[in-house]
């Protein structure tokens, strides 16, 4: 599990970073988050056989709930947005909880 805040990145930049990391990572779950103009953006990617166990849209939605948001996407990559970027610590904790069980 790789999770990080990318300061000032927009949605396109996060998507490109996640795609690059996904290609480099053999197996795993990636969550990148950014604050921009009072909003938060999350991008999650799941690599290899893990989408069946941890669908990206489920992980990103559970994480987005912590910032008052929601998202969508596919089993291998999903995005979300929210209006409470000050809750980033809760975003990463929610994602860890989603992956734990």
Protein backbone atom coordinates (compact mmCIF):
# COMPACT_ATOMS: atom_id res chain seq x y z
CA UNK A 1 0.00 0.00 0.00
CA UNK A 2 1.43 3.33 -1.10
CA UNK A 3 -0.28 6.53 0.05
CA UNK A 4 0.93 10.10 -0.28
CA UNK A 5 -0.19 13.69 -0.45
CA UNK A 6 1.05 15.48 -3.58
CA UNK A 7 1.05 19.19 -2.76
CA UNK A 8 -0.85 21.38 -5.22
CA UNK A 9 -1.37 18.70 -7.88
CA UNK A 10 -4.49 18.86 -10.02
CA UNK A 11 -6.60 15.84 -10.99
CA UNK A 12 -4.76 15.24 -14.27
CA UNK A 13 -1.36 15.31 -12.57
CA UNK A 14 -2.53 12.86 -9.90
CA UNK A 15 -3.94 10.55 -12.57
CA UNK A 16 -0.63 10.62 -14.49
CA UNK A 17 1.40 9.97 -11.33
CA UNK A 18 -0.82 7.07 -10.31
CA UNK A 19 -0.62 5.54 -13.79
CA UNK A 20 3.18 5.80 -13.71
CA UNK A 21 3.41 4.28 -10.23
CA UNK A 22 0.97 1.55 -11.19
CA UNK A 23 3.21 0.55 -14.10
CA UNK A 24 6.27 0.44 -11.83
CA UNK A 25 4.62 -1.43 -8.98
CA UNK A 26 4.41 -5.19 -9.29
CA UNK A 27 1.37 -5.54 -7.06
CA UNK A 28 -0.36 -3.24 -4.63
CA UNK A 29 -2.73 -0.38 -3.96
CA UNK A 30 -1.84 3.27 -4.57
CA UNK A 31 -3.67 6.29 -3.14
CA UNK A 32 -2.54 9.82 -4.02
CA UNK A 33 -4.31 12.88 -2.66
CA UNK A 34 -4.02 16.60 -3.23
CA UNK A 35 -5.46 19.85 -1.91
CA UNK A 36 -6.21 22.58 -4.45
CA UNK A 37 -8.40 25.68 -4.16
CA UNK A 38 -10.17 24.46 -1.03
CA UNK A 39 -11.00 21.08 -2.50
CA UNK A 40 -9.43 17.64 -2.27
CA UNK A 41 -8.80 15.15 -5.03
CA UNK A 42 -8.03 11.45 -4.54
CA UNK A 43 -6.86 8.92 -7.11
CA UNK A 44 -6.57 5.22 -6.32
CA UNK A 45 -5.10 2.46 -8.45
CA UNK A 46 -4.97 -1.26 -7.79
CA UNK A 47 -2.42 -3.46 -9.52
CA UNK A 48 -2.33 -7.11 -10.59
CA UNK A 49 -4.84 -9.56 -9.12
CA UNK A 50 -5.87 -7.20 -6.33
CA UNK A 51 -8.83 -5.43 -8.06
CA UNK A 52 -11.03 -8.42 -7.30
CA UNK A 53 -10.22 -8.19 -3.59
CA UNK A 54 -9.82 -4.39 -3.29
CA UNK A 55 -11.74 -2.64 -6.09
CA UNK A 56 -10.32 0.87 -6.53
CA UNK A 57 -13.77 2.47 -6.58
CA UNK A 58 -14.58 0.96 -3.17
CA UNK A 59 -11.27 2.08 -1.65
CA UNK A 60 -11.56 5.63 -3.04
CA UNK A 61 -15.17 5.98 -1.89
CA UNK A 62 -14.37 4.90 1.66
CA UNK A 63 -11.43 7.31 1.74
CA UNK A 64 -13.46 10.14 0.17
CA UNK A 65 -16.14 9.89 2.85
CA UNK A 66 -13.56 11.33 5.27
CA UNK A 67 -13.40 14.54 3.21
CA UNK A 68 -17.12 14.81 2.56
CA UNK A 69 -16.82 13.48 -0.95
CA UNK A 70 -17.49 10.61 -3.27
CA UNK A 71 -16.06 9.20 -6.42
CA UNK A 72 -16.17 6.48 -8.97
CA UNK A 73 -14.22 4.62 -11.56
CA UNK A 74 -13.21 1.11 -12.40
CA UNK A 75 -11.86 -1.76 -10.35
CA UNK A 76 -8.26 -0.90 -11.26
CA UNK A 77 -8.42 2.94 -11.06
CA UNK A 78 -10.84 5.42 -9.51
CA UNK A 79 -11.03 9.11 -8.55
CA UNK A 80 -12.90 11.11 -5.92
CA UNK A 81 -13.25 14.68 -4.76
CA UNK A 82 -14.31 16.35 -1.56
CA UNK A 83 -14.82 19.71 0.10
CA UNK A 84 -12.87 19.09 3.35
CA UNK A 85 -9.15 18.72 2.47
CA UNK A 86 -8.20 19.47 6.08
CA UNK A 87 -9.19 15.87 6.89
CA UNK A 88 -6.39 14.23 4.89
CA UNK A 89 -5.15 12.23 7.87
CA UNK A 90 -8.60 10.63 8.03
CA UNK A 91 -8.44 9.85 4.28
CA UNK A 92 -5.34 7.72 4.64
CA UNK A 93 -6.63 6.05 7.81
CA UNK A 94 -9.92 5.17 6.05
CA UNK A 95 -8.03 3.65 3.12
CA UNK A 96 -5.87 1.57 5.45
CA UNK A 97 -9.01 0.36 7.22
CA UNK A 98 -10.65 -0.57 3.89
CA UNK A 99 -7.60 -2.61 2.95
CA UNK A 100 -7.37 -4.29 6.36
CA UNK A 101 -10.68 -5.95 6.11
